[in-house]
Amino acid sequence: MSTPFGVPREDDLAAVFIGAGPLRTVLDSVSRVAASGANCLIWGESGTGKNLFAYLCHRLGPRRDGPYVELSCSSLPEALVETELFGYARGAFTGAADDHEGRLVKAHGGTLVLDELDCLSPASQAKLLRVVELGRFTPMGGPGETTLRARFIGVLQEPPEELVRRGVLRQELYYRLALFTVGLPPLRELAAELPAIAEFIARQEAARARVEPVRLGPAALDLLRRYAFPGNLRELQNLVRRWTLLQPGTAIGAEDLPPGVREQTAPEAVPNLAEVERDHIRRVLRDHGGRIGESARALGIHRKTLLEKRKKYGLL
């Protein structure tokens, strides 16, 4: 079993979340949620690592030795939801030549992650709700009910309360799964943690490719800290993976970044000292109605000096 970053151990994963920033807070929350064994909802923008944290919940929880099963609800046609979730018995319908274990059976004793849970139709959510509430279900065409002991983790791209408000997520299902909710911050809000995250990903990609990890130079890091990262962690991982394959063991400079990154993070023009002084004098003169004596006192300079600077900067 592996995580989305190909790392099988939670202590390796935790190594990236250092300091007291937003990810440290998230990891602390996940640790408490995981230990409880309770159902939960994890939400965040695409690429923020929701599946990684779902896996952490499993690995740090009481069912860590059980199976970890994921179901991508967005890629599942409505007609197949019931068979994929509940499974079916041989002869349940035309073409059912053998018994088929659904994801619920496979997750027994472990964790079932429902990725993009809100993509399930209201009818499918209602069927899932019954399983969550009662802890039992009947496979299609099966002889009787099957008992289920598993943890449910719902994964969403928007705040669950907003999805409930819009009627996309059933309120009853929300209440059953949202004993705990964990919101993941986008990468653009994690500038302080970016070097540690990038180093972590570089080590994992290098281990996978069996090469030396790349290193991000100061100039590259400075640009990446100010980049918006619309693809979040996934986008950063793809960047590091490409560097690892093409430039293993090298130091990555600003020139190695994609043009889009360099263009979107072009440094803002910094005013020089004269411009700062000019703008400050203009504001003080304006605030004091252009009165030289009062403005000079507010600036802490002599009246004659202010007159000279006013002339110098064209503030007549």
C-alpha atoms as a PDB file:
ATOM      1  CA  MET A   1       0.000   0.000   0.000  1.00  0.00           C
ATOM      2  CA  SER A   2       1.283   3.453  -0.794  1.00  0.00           C
ATOM      3  CA  THR A   3       0.300   7.082  -0.511  1.00  0.00           C
ATOM      4  CA  PRO A   4      -0.224   9.470  -3.418  1.00  0.00           C
ATOM      5  CA  PHE A   5       3.467  10.349  -3.048  1.00  0.00           C
ATOM      6  CA  GLY A   6       4.505   6.698  -2.961  1.00  0.00           C
ATOM      7  CA  VAL A   7       5.460   6.784   0.720  1.00  0.00           C
ATOM      8  CA  PRO A   8       4.291   3.894   2.920  1.00  0.00           C
ATOM      9  CA  ARG A   9       5.120   5.295   6.354  1.00  0.00           C
ATOM     10  CA  GLU A  10       3.266   8.016   8.206  1.00  0.00           C
ATOM     11  CA  ASP A  11       6.365   9.190  10.060  1.00  0.00           C
ATOM     12  CA  ASP A  12       8.011   9.965   6.697  1.00  0.00           C
ATOM     13  CA  LEU A  13       4.923  11.871   5.669  1.00  0.00           C
ATOM     14  CA  ALA A  14       4.822  13.821   8.906  1.00  0.00           C
ATOM     15  CA  ALA A  15       8.426  14.927   8.447  1.00  0.00           C
ATOM     16  CA  VAL A  16       7.383  17.569   5.932  1.00  0.00           C
ATOM     17  CA  PHE A  17       4.926  19.292   8.258  1.00  0.00           C
ATOM     18  CA  ILE A  18       7.294  21.259  10.424  1.00  0.00           C
ATOM     19  CA  GLY A  19       7.016  24.531  12.263  1.00  0.00           C
ATOM     20  CA  ALA A  20       3.798  26.169  13.355  1.00  0.00           C
ATOM     21  CA  GLY A  21       2.258  27.010   9.981  1.00  0.00           C
ATOM     22  CA  PRO A  22      -1.118  26.034   8.514  1.00  0.00           C
ATOM     23  CA  LEU A  23      -0.009  22.515   7.569  1.00  0.00           C
ATOM     24  CA  ARG A  24       1.222  21.863  11.089  1.00  0.00           C
ATOM     25  CA  THR A  25      -2.242  22.798  12.329  1.00  0.00           C
ATOM     26  CA  VAL A  26      -3.841  20.526   9.739  1.00  0.00           C
ATOM     27  CA  LEU A  27      -1.594  17.617  10.675  1.00  0.00           C
ATOM     28  CA  ASP A  28      -2.440  18.063  14.349  1.00  0.00           C
ATOM     29  CA  SER A  29      -6.136  18.019  13.456  1.00  0.00           C
ATOM     30  CA  VAL A  30      -5.717  14.932  11.290  1.00  0.00           C
ATOM     31  CA  SER A  31      -3.862  13.142  14.092  1.00  0.00           C
ATOM     32  CA  ARG A  32      -6.733  13.775  16.507  1.00  0.00           C
ATOM     33  CA  VAL A  33      -9.363  12.815  13.929  1.00  0.00           C
ATOM     34  CA  ALA A  34      -7.447   9.672  12.975  1.00  0.00           C
ATOM     35  CA  ALA A  35      -7.085   8.470  16.553  1.00  0.00           C
ATOM     36  CA  SER A  36     -10.840   8.779  17.102  1.00  0.00           C
ATOM     37  CA  GLY A  37     -11.653   6.302  14.353  1.00  0.00           C
ATOM     38  CA  ALA A  38     -14.687   8.430  13.492  1.00  0.00           C
ATOM     39  CA  ASN A  39     -16.051   9.156  10.046  1.00  0.00           C
ATOM     40  CA  CYS A  40     -14.888  12.475   8.611  1.00  0.00           C
ATOM     41  CA  LEU A  41     -14.950  14.805   5.633  1.00  0.00           C
ATOM     42  CA  ILE A  42     -11.816  16.255   4.040  1.00  0.00           C
ATOM     43  CA  TRP A  43     -12.157  19.159   1.633  1.00  0.00           C
ATOM     44  CA  GLY A  44      -9.912  21.448  -0.362  1.00  0.00           C
ATOM     45  CA  GLU A  45      -9.071  22.654  -3.839  1.00  0.00           C
ATOM     46  CA  SER A  46      -7.946  20.194  -6.485  1.00  0.00           C
ATOM     47  CA  GLY A  47      -4.371  19.081  -5.886  1.00  0.00           C
ATOM     48  CA  THR A  48      -4.149  20.083  -2.199  1.00  0.00           C
ATOM     49  CA  GLY A  49      -3.406  16.536  -1.036  1.00  0.00           C
ATOM     50  CA  LYS A  50      -6.848  15.435   0.151  1.00  0.00           C
ATOM     51  CA  ASN A  51      -6.174  11.783  -0.634  1.00  0.00           C
ATOM     52  CA  LEU A  52      -2.820  11.995   1.118  1.00  0.00           C
ATOM     53  CA  PHE A  53      -4.514  13.193   4.296  1.00  0.00           C
ATOM     54  CA  ALA A  54      -7.260  10.593   3.937  1.00  0.00           C
ATOM     55  CA  TYR A  55      -4.528   7.964   3.859  1.00  0.00           C
ATOM     56  CA  LEU A  56      -2.919   9.528   6.924  1.00  0.00           C
ATOM     57  CA  CYS A  57      -6.257   9.279   8.755  1.00  0.00           C
ATOM     58  CA  HIS A  58      -6.268   5.585   7.980  1.00  0.00           C
ATOM     59  CA  ARG A  59      -2.614   4.943   8.873  1.00  0.00           C
ATOM     60  CA  LEU A  60      -2.850   6.828  12.158  1.00  0.00           C
ATOM     61  CA  GLY A  61      -6.210   5.324  13.123  1.00  0.00           C
ATOM     62  CA  PRO A  62      -7.346   2.182  14.948  1.00  0.00           C
ATOM     63  CA  ARG A  63      -8.090   0.402  11.632  1.00  0.00           C
ATOM     64  CA  ARG A  64      -4.584   0.895  10.237  1.00  0.00           C
ATOM     65  CA  ASP A  65      -4.098  -2.861   9.792  1.00  0.00           C
ATOM     66  CA  GLY A  66      -7.291  -3.171   7.782  1.00  0.00           C
ATOM     67  CA  PRO A  67      -7.790  -2.503   4.065  1.00  0.00           C
ATOM     68  CA  TYR A  68      -7.659   0.978   2.576  1.00  0.00           C
ATOM     69  CA  VAL A  69     -10.154   1.239  -0.280  1.00  0.00           C
ATOM     70  CA  GLU A  70     -10.845   4.241  -2.507  1.00  0.00           C
ATOM     71  CA  LEU A  71     -13.836   4.864  -4.778  1.00  0.00           C
ATOM     72  CA  SER A  72     -13.744   7.704  -7.320  1.00  0.00           C
ATOM     73  CA  CYS A  73     -17.362   8.818  -7.384  1.00  0.00           C
ATOM     74  CA  SER A  74     -16.838  11.285 -10.232  1.00  0.00           C
ATOM     75  CA  SER A  75     -15.674   8.590 -12.671  1.00  0.00           C
ATOM     76  CA  LEU A  76     -18.423   6.120 -11.801  1.00  0.00           C
ATOM     77  CA  PRO A  77     -21.546   6.072 -14.026  1.00  0.00           C
ATOM     78  CA  GLU A  78     -24.768   6.238 -12.037  1.00  0.00           C
ATOM     79  CA  ALA A  79     -25.834   2.841 -13.362  1.00  0.00           C
ATOM     80  CA  LEU A  80     -22.749   1.213 -11.806  1.00  0.00           C
ATOM     81  CA  VAL A  81     -22.786   2.909  -8.394  1.00  0.00           C
ATOM     82  CA  GLU A  82     -24.835   0.202  -6.707  1.00  0.00           C
ATOM     83  CA  THR A  83     -22.851  -2.712  -8.141  1.00  0.00           C
ATOM     84  CA  GLU A  84     -19.508  -1.052  -7.314  1.00  0.00           C
ATOM     85  CA  LEU A  85     -20.526  -0.161  -3.780  1.00  0.00           C
ATOM     86  CA  PHE A  86     -22.619  -3.143  -2.763  1.00  0.00           C
ATOM     87  CA  GLY A  87     -21.443  -5.843  -5.139  1.00  0.00           C
ATOM     88  CA  TYR A  88     -23.722  -8.539  -6.520  1.00  0.00           C
ATOM     89  CA  ALA A  89     -24.379 -12.251  -6.393  1.00  0.00           C
ATOM     90  CA  ARG A  90     -24.103 -14.620  -9.291  1.00  0.00           C
ATOM     91  CA  GLY A  91     -27.240 -14.482 -11.392  1.00  0.00           C
ATOM     92  CA  ALA A  92     -28.395 -11.139  -9.922  1.00  0.00           C
ATOM     93  CA  PHE A  93     -28.836  -9.825 -13.474  1.00  0.00           C
ATOM     94  CA  THR A  94     -28.063 -10.836 -17.030  1.00  0.00           C
ATOM     95  CA  GLY A  95     -24.326 -11.196 -17.401  1.00  0.00           C
ATOM     96  CA  ALA A  96     -23.598 -11.686 -13.696  1.00  0.00           C
ATOM     97  CA  ALA A  97     -21.751 -14.961 -14.158  1.00  0.00           C
ATOM     98  CA  ASP A  98     -19.913 -14.806 -10.820  1.00  0.00           C
ATOM     99  CA  ASP A  99     -20.166 -13.149  -7.437  1.00  0.00           C
ATOM    100  CA  HIS A 100     -18.652  -9.656  -7.344  1.00  0.00           C
ATOM    101  CA  GLU A 101     -17.376  -8.072  -4.150  1.00  0.00           C
ATOM    102  CA  GLY A 102     -18.283  -4.405  -3.861  1.00  0.00           C
ATOM    103  CA  ARG A 103     -16.077  -1.741  -2.298  1.00  0.00           C
ATOM    104  CA  LEU A 104     -18.015  -2.018   0.968  1.00  0.00           C
ATOM    105  CA  VAL A 105     -17.041  -5.665   1.367  1.00  0.00           C
ATOM    106  CA  LYS A 106     -13.446  -4.927   0.435  1.00  0.00           C
ATOM    107  CA  ALA A 107     -13.285  -2.134   3.034  1.00  0.00           C
ATOM    108  CA  HIS A 108     -14.607  -4.290   5.896  1.00  0.00           C
ATOM    109  CA  GLY A 109     -12.377  -3.794   8.931  1.00  0.00           C
ATOM    110  CA  GLY A 110     -10.638  -0.823   7.343  1.00  0.00           C
ATOM    111  CA  THR A 111     -11.364   2.491   5.632  1.00  0.00           C
ATOM    112  CA  LEU A 112     -13.488   3.407   2.616  1.00  0.00           C
ATOM    113  CA  VAL A 113     -12.592   6.725   0.985  1.00  0.00           C
ATOM    114  CA  LEU A 114     -15.324   8.236  -1.173  1.00  0.00           C
ATOM    115  CA  ASP A 115     -13.472  10.643  -3.451  1.00  0.00           C
ATOM    116  CA  GLU A 116     -15.643  13.506  -4.784  1.00  0.00           C
ATOM    117  CA  LEU A 117     -18.540  12.250  -2.737  1.00  0.00           C
ATOM    118  CA  ASP A 118     -20.760  15.098  -3.933  1.00  0.00           C
ATOM    119  CA  CYS A 119     -20.736  13.599  -7.443  1.00  0.00           C
ATOM    120  CA  LEU A 120     -23.050  10.809  -6.249  1.00  0.00           C
ATOM    121  CA  SER A 121     -26.698  11.376  -7.108  1.00  0.00           C
ATOM    122  CA  PRO A 122     -29.180  12.051  -4.275  1.00  0.00           C
ATOM    123  CA  ALA A 123     -30.538   8.519  -4.736  1.00  0.00           C
ATOM    124  CA  SER A 124     -27.093   6.950  -4.402  1.00  0.00           C
ATOM    125  CA  GLN A 125     -26.320   9.158  -1.408  1.00  0.00           C
ATOM    126  CA  ALA A 126     -29.516   7.902   0.235  1.00  0.00           C
ATOM    127  CA  LYS A 127     -28.432   4.275  -0.242  1.00  0.00           C
ATOM    128  CA  LEU A 128     -25.000   5.068   1.149  1.00  0.00           C
ATOM    129  CA  LEU A 129     -26.568   6.868   4.111  1.00  0.00           C
ATOM    130  CA  ARG A 130     -28.413   3.705   5.128  1.00  0.00           C
ATOM    131  CA  VAL A 131     -25.151   1.750   5.175  1.00  0.00           C
ATOM    132  CA  VAL A 132     -23.402   4.423   7.250  1.00  0.00           C
ATOM    133  CA  GLU A 133     -26.308   4.552   9.705  1.00  0.00           C
ATOM    134  CA  LEU A 134     -26.977   0.824  10.100  1.00  0.00           C
ATOM    135  CA  GLY A 135     -23.613  -0.748   9.366  1.00  0.00           C
ATOM    136  CA  ARG A 136     -25.139  -3.379   7.099  1.00  0.00           C
ATOM    137  CA  PHE A 137     -26.223  -3.780   3.479  1.00  0.00           C
ATOM    138  CA  THR A 138     -27.429  -6.355   0.975  1.00  0.00           C
ATOM    139  CA  PRO A 139     -25.471  -7.092  -2.203  1.00  0.00           C
ATOM    140  CA  MET A 140     -27.588  -7.119  -5.350  1.00  0.00           C
ATOM    141  CA  GLY A 141     -29.266 -10.513  -5.581  1.00  0.00           C
ATOM    142  CA  GLY A 142     -27.581 -11.602  -2.338  1.00  0.00           C
ATOM    143  CA  PRO A 143     -29.242 -14.047   0.081  1.00  0.00           C
ATOM    144  CA  GLY A 144     -29.202 -11.633   3.024  1.00  0.00           C
ATOM    145  CA  GLU A 145     -27.629  -8.676   4.735  1.00  0.00           C
ATOM    146  CA  THR A 146     -23.892  -8.272   5.209  1.00  0.00           C
ATOM    147  CA  THR A 147     -22.495  -6.595   8.302  1.00  0.00           C
ATOM    148  CA  LEU A 148     -19.966  -3.844   7.733  1.00  0.00           C
ATOM    149  CA  ARG A 149     -17.426  -2.396  10.144  1.00  0.00           C
ATOM    150  CA  ALA A 150     -15.491   0.320   8.401  1.00  0.00           C
ATOM    151  CA  ARG A 151     -14.586   3.966   8.614  1.00  0.00           C
ATOM    152  CA  PHE A 152     -15.978   6.320   5.967  1.00  0.00           C
ATOM    153  CA  ILE A 153     -13.998   9.311   4.736  1.00  0.00           C
ATOM    154  CA  GLY A 154     -15.666  11.660   2.274  1.00  0.00           C
ATOM    155  CA  VAL A 155     -13.451  13.812   0.056  1.00  0.00           C
ATOM    156  CA  LEU A 156     -14.787  17.073  -1.395  1.00  0.00           C
ATOM    157  CA  GLN A 157     -13.460  20.059  -3.329  1.00  0.00           C
ATOM    158  CA  GLU A 158     -15.706  22.623  -1.644  1.00  0.00           C
ATOM    159  CA  PRO A 159     -16.713  23.310   1.961  1.00  0.00           C
ATOM    160  CA  PRO A 160     -19.333  20.662   2.845  1.00  0.00           C
ATOM    161  CA  GLU A 161     -21.635  23.229   4.428  1.00  0.00           C
ATOM    162  CA  GLU A 162     -21.806  25.069   1.099  1.00  0.00           C
ATOM    163  CA  LEU A 163     -22.595  21.834  -0.757  1.00  0.00           C
ATOM    164  CA  VAL A 164     -25.391  21.098   1.704  1.00  0.00           C
ATOM    165  CA  ARG A 165     -26.758  24.609   1.259  1.00  0.00           C
ATOM    166  CA  ARG A 166     -26.878  24.134  -2.521  1.00  0.00           C
ATOM    167  CA  GLY A 167     -28.537  20.739  -2.181  1.00  0.00           C
ATOM    168  CA  VAL A 168     -25.597  18.899  -3.748  1.00  0.00           C
ATOM    169  CA  LEU A 169     -24.760  16.949  -0.584  1.00  0.00           C
ATOM    170  CA  ARG A 170     -27.594  15.382   1.401  1.00  0.00           C
ATOM    171  CA  GLN A 171     -27.868  16.967   4.804  1.00  0.00           C
ATOM    172  CA  GLU A 172     -28.435  13.617   6.545  1.00  0.00           C
ATOM    173  CA  LEU A 173     -25.302  12.136   4.975  1.00  0.00           C
ATOM    174  CA  TYR A 174     -23.343  15.245   5.908  1.00  0.00           C
ATOM    175  CA  TYR A 175     -24.330  14.854   9.560  1.00  0.00           C
ATOM    176  CA  ARG A 176     -23.309  11.194   9.532  1.00  0.00           C
ATOM    177  CA  LEU A 177     -19.895  11.846   8.028  1.00  0.00           C
ATOM    178  CA  ALA A 178     -19.023  15.272   9.418  1.00  0.00           C
ATOM    179  CA  LEU A 179     -18.300  14.420  13.011  1.00  0.00           C
ATOM    180  CA  PHE A 180     -14.950  15.906  11.989  1.00  0.00           C
ATOM    181  CA  THR A 181     -14.172  18.068   8.958  1.00  0.00           C
ATOM    182  CA  VAL A 182     -10.683  18.987   7.799  1.00  0.00           C
ATOM    183  CA  GLY A 183     -10.101  21.834   5.341  1.00  0.00           C
ATOM    184  CA  LEU A 184      -6.780  21.835   3.485  1.00  0.00           C
ATOM    185  CA  PRO A 185      -5.143  25.162   2.597  1.00  0.00           C
ATOM    186  CA  PRO A 186      -4.070  25.813  -1.004  1.00  0.00           C
ATOM    187  CA  LEU A 187      -0.350  25.843  -1.695  1.00  0.00           C
ATOM    188  CA  ARG A 188      -0.359  29.603  -2.367  1.00  0.00           C
ATOM    189  CA  GLU A 189      -1.069  30.104   1.348  1.00  0.00           C
ATOM    190  CA  LEU A 190       1.906  27.959   2.410  1.00  0.00           C
ATOM    191  CA  ALA A 191       4.869  30.073   1.367  1.00  0.00           C
ATOM    192  CA  ALA A 192       6.693  29.417   4.655  1.00  0.00           C
ATOM    193  CA  GLU A 193       6.325  25.645   4.295  1.00  0.00           C
ATOM    194  CA  LEU A 194       7.153  25.532   0.568  1.00  0.00           C
ATOM    195  CA  PRO A 195      10.902  24.759   0.938  1.00  0.00           C
ATOM    196  CA  ALA A 196      10.210  21.802   3.246  1.00  0.00           C
ATOM    197  CA  ILE A 197       7.411  20.505   1.023  1.00  0.00           C
ATOM    198  CA  ALA A 198       9.554  20.789  -2.113  1.00  0.00           C
ATOM    199  CA  GLU A 199      12.479  19.040  -0.410  1.00  0.00           C
ATOM    200  CA  PHE A 200      10.187  16.249   0.765  1.00  0.00           C
ATOM    201  CA  ILE A 201       8.801  15.679  -2.732  1.00  0.00           C
ATOM    202  CA  ALA A 202      12.310  15.836  -4.220  1.00  0.00           C
ATOM    203  CA  ARG A 203      13.509  13.067  -1.894  1.00  0.00           C
ATOM    204  CA  GLN A 204      10.557  10.847  -2.761  1.00  0.00           C
ATOM    205  CA  GLU A 205      10.862  11.389  -6.507  1.00  0.00           C
ATOM    206  CA  ALA A 206      14.594  10.734  -6.359  1.00  0.00           C
ATOM    207  CA  ALA A 207      14.040   7.504  -4.410  1.00  0.00           C
ATOM    208  CA  ARG A 208      11.494   6.382  -6.990  1.00  0.00           C
ATOM    209  CA  ALA A 209      13.844   7.153  -9.903  1.00  0.00           C
ATOM    210  CA  ARG A 210      16.929   5.919  -7.991  1.00  0.00           C
ATOM    211  CA  VAL A 211      18.856   9.126  -8.603  1.00  0.00           C
ATOM    212  CA  GLU A 212      20.162  12.005  -6.528  1.00  0.00           C
ATOM    213  CA  PRO A 213      17.466  14.516  -5.499  1.00  0.00           C
ATOM    214  CA  VAL A 214      17.352  17.954  -7.040  1.00  0.00           C
ATOM    215  CA  ARG A 215      17.855  21.046  -4.861  1.00  0.00           C
ATOM    216  CA  LEU A 216      15.943  24.281  -5.225  1.00  0.00           C
ATOM    217  CA  GLY A 217      18.201  27.341  -5.262  1.00  0.00           C
ATOM    218  CA  PRO A 218      17.293  30.591  -3.477  1.00  0.00           C
ATOM    219  CA  ALA A 219      16.167  32.360  -6.666  1.00  0.00           C
ATOM    220  CA  ALA A 220      13.883  29.476  -7.674  1.00  0.00           C
ATOM    221  CA  LEU A 221      12.411  29.224  -4.186  1.00  0.00           C
ATOM    222  CA  ASP A 222      11.769  32.962  -4.087  1.00  0.00           C
ATOM    223  CA  LEU A 223       9.807  32.783  -7.329  1.00  0.00           C
ATOM    224  CA  LEU A 224       7.891  29.676  -6.274  1.00  0.00           C
ATOM    225  CA  ARG A 225       6.894  31.253  -2.957  1.00  0.00           C
ATOM    226  CA  ARG A 226       5.141  34.019  -4.856  1.00  0.00           C
ATOM    227  CA  TYR A 227       3.573  31.789  -7.496  1.00  0.00           C
ATOM    228  CA  ALA A 228      -0.208  31.183  -7.268  1.00  0.00           C
ATOM    229  CA  PHE A 229       0.044  27.392  -7.912  1.00  0.00           C
ATOM    230  CA  PRO A 230      -3.394  26.802  -9.444  1.00  0.00           C
ATOM    231  CA  GLY A 231      -2.591  23.068  -9.422  1.00  0.00           C
ATOM    232  CA  ASN A 232      -1.447  23.160  -5.779  1.00  0.00           C
ATOM    233  CA  LEU A 233       0.675  20.244  -4.487  1.00  0.00           C
ATOM    234  CA  ARG A 234       0.061  18.223  -7.635  1.00  0.00           C
ATOM    235  CA  GLU A 235       1.535  20.992  -9.773  1.00  0.00           C
ATOM    236  CA  LEU A 236       4.611  21.266  -7.545  1.00  0.00           C
ATOM    237  CA  GLN A 237       5.058  17.502  -7.614  1.00  0.00           C
ATOM    238  CA  ASN A 238       4.950  17.477 -11.413  1.00  0.00           C
ATOM    239  CA  LEU A 239       7.579  20.212 -11.561  1.00  0.00           C
ATOM    240  CA  VAL A 240       9.905  18.370  -9.189  1.00  0.00           C
ATOM    241  CA  ARG A 241       9.334  15.064 -10.986  1.00  0.00           C
ATOM    242  CA  ARG A 242      10.333  16.593 -14.317  1.00  0.00           C
ATOM    243  CA  TRP A 243      13.486  18.124 -12.836  1.00  0.00           C
ATOM    244  CA  THR A 244      14.337  14.818 -11.172  1.00  0.00           C
ATOM    245  CA  LEU A 245      14.135  12.938 -14.450  1.00  0.00           C
ATOM    246  CA  LEU A 246      15.912  15.540 -16.580  1.00  0.00           C
ATOM    247  CA  GLN A 247      18.365  17.146 -14.143  1.00  0.00           C
ATOM    248  CA  PRO A 248      18.990  14.689 -11.276  1.00  0.00           C
ATOM    249  CA  GLY A 249      21.244  15.909  -8.484  1.00  0.00           C
ATOM    250  CA  THR A 250      21.406  19.493  -9.751  1.00  0.00           C
ATOM    251  CA  ALA A 251      20.525  22.815  -8.168  1.00  0.00           C
ATOM    252  CA  ILE A 252      17.404  24.294  -9.759  1.00  0.00           C
ATOM    253  CA  GLY A 253      17.670  27.984 -10.594  1.00  0.00           C
ATOM    254  CA  ALA A 254      15.144  30.576 -11.696  1.00  0.00           C
ATOM    255  CA  GLU A 255      16.006  29.846 -15.330  1.00  0.00           C
ATOM    256  CA  ASP A 256      14.800  26.245 -14.894  1.00  0.00           C
ATOM    257  CA  LEU A 257      11.268  27.296 -13.954  1.00  0.00           C
ATOM    258  CA  PRO A 258       8.520  27.202 -16.604  1.00  0.00           C
ATOM    259  CA  PRO A 259       7.911  30.555 -18.349  1.00  0.00           C
ATOM    260  CA  GLY A 260       4.453  30.771 -16.812  1.00  0.00           C
ATOM    261  CA  VAL A 261       5.928  30.628 -13.310  1.00  0.00           C
ATOM    262  CA  ARG A 262       8.538  33.273 -14.070  1.00  0.00           C
ATOM    263  CA  GLU A 263       6.036  35.585 -15.731  1.00  0.00           C
ATOM    264  CA  GLN A 264       3.418  35.322 -12.993  1.00  0.00           C
ATOM    265  CA  THR A 265       5.959  35.910 -10.277  1.00  0.00           C
ATOM    266  CA  ALA A 266       7.823  38.850 -11.814  1.00  0.00           C
ATOM    267  CA  PRO A 267       8.975  40.993  -8.877  1.00  0.00           C
ATOM    268  CA  GLU A 268       6.978  44.139  -8.288  1.00  0.00           C
ATOM    269  CA  ALA A 269       8.711  47.448  -8.939  1.00  0.00           C
ATOM    270  CA  VAL A 270      10.198  48.703  -5.683  1.00  0.00           C
ATOM    271  CA  PRO A 271      10.202  52.500  -5.297  1.00  0.00           C
ATOM    272  CA  ASN A 272      13.577  54.075  -4.631  1.00  0.00           C
ATOM    273  CA  LEU A 273      14.268  56.224  -1.572  1.00  0.00           C
ATOM    274  CA  ALA A 274      13.618  59.496  -3.411  1.00  0.00           C
ATOM    275  CA  GLU A 275      10.216  58.265  -4.583  1.00  0.00           C
ATOM    276  CA  VAL A 276       9.287  57.199  -1.068  1.00  0.00           C
ATOM    277  CA  GLU A 277      10.297  60.624   0.298  1.00  0.00           C
ATOM    278  CA  ARG A 278       8.402  62.463  -2.435  1.00  0.00           C
ATOM    279  CA  ASP A 279       5.191  60.514  -1.832  1.00  0.00           C
ATOM    280  CA  HIS A 280       5.447  60.987   1.924  1.00  0.00           C
ATOM    281  CA  ILE A 281       5.955  64.758   1.634  1.00  0.00           C
ATOM    282  CA  ARG A 282       3.008  64.952  -0.799  1.00  0.00           C
ATOM    283  CA  ARG A 283       0.733  63.177   1.709  1.00  0.00           C
ATOM    284  CA  VAL A 284       1.821  65.392   4.612  1.00  0.00           C
ATOM    285  CA  LEU A 285       1.292  68.575   2.587  1.00  0.00           C
ATOM    286  CA  ARG A 286      -2.138  67.341   1.566  1.00  0.00           C
ATOM    287  CA  ASP A 287      -3.100  66.434   5.123  1.00  0.00           C
ATOM    288  CA  HIS A 288      -2.113  69.913   6.340  1.00  0.00           C
ATOM    289  CA  GLY A 289      -3.778  71.812   3.565  1.00  0.00           C
ATOM    290  CA  GLY A 290      -0.483  72.812   1.968  1.00  0.00           C
ATOM    291  CA  ARG A 291       0.586  74.870   5.006  1.00  0.00           C
ATOM    292  CA  ILE A 292       4.379  74.828   4.997  1.00  0.00           C
ATOM    293  CA  GLY A 293       4.955  75.507   8.700  1.00  0.00           C
ATOM    294  CA  GLU A 294       2.608  72.792   9.956  1.00  0.00           C
ATOM    295  CA  SER A 295       3.845  70.310   7.352  1.00  0.00           C
ATOM    296  CA  ALA A 296       7.486  70.963   8.248  1.00  0.00           C
ATOM    297  CA  ARG A 297       6.783  70.362  11.925  1.00  0.00           C
ATOM    298  CA  ALA A 298       4.950  67.137  11.111  1.00  0.00           C
ATOM    299  CA  LEU A 299       7.894  65.999   9.003  1.00  0.00           C
ATOM    300  CA  GLY A 300      10.435  67.020  11.650  1.00  0.00           C
ATOM    301  CA  ILE A 301      12.415  69.195   9.248  1.00  0.00           C
ATOM    302  CA  HIS A 302      13.102  72.920   8.904  1.00  0.00           C
ATOM    303  CA  ARG A 303      10.654  75.066   6.890  1.00  0.00           C
ATOM    304  CA  LYS A 304      13.427  75.997   4.442  1.00  0.00           C
ATOM    305  CA  THR A 305      14.299  72.338   3.921  1.00  0.00           C
ATOM    306  CA  LEU A 306      10.684  71.528   3.095  1.00  0.00           C
ATOM    307  CA  LEU A 307      10.534  74.372   0.583  1.00  0.00           C
ATOM    308  CA  GLU A 308      13.658  73.030  -1.124  1.00  0.00           C
ATOM    309  CA  LYS A 309      12.296  69.471  -1.262  1.00  0.00           C
ATOM    310  CA  ARG A 310       8.931  70.682  -2.503  1.00  0.00           C
ATOM    311  CA  LYS A 311      10.678  72.439  -5.359  1.00  0.00           C
ATOM    312  CA  LYS A 312      12.954  69.423  -6.010  1.00  0.00           C
ATOM    313  CA  TYR A 313      10.023  67.031  -6.324  1.00  0.00           C
ATOM    314  CA  GLY A 314       7.763  69.419  -8.231  1.00  0.00           C
ATOM    315  CA  LEU A 315       5.173  69.614  -5.447  1.00  0.00           C
ATOM    316  CA  LEU A 316       4.394  73.277  -6.032  1.00  0.00           C
END
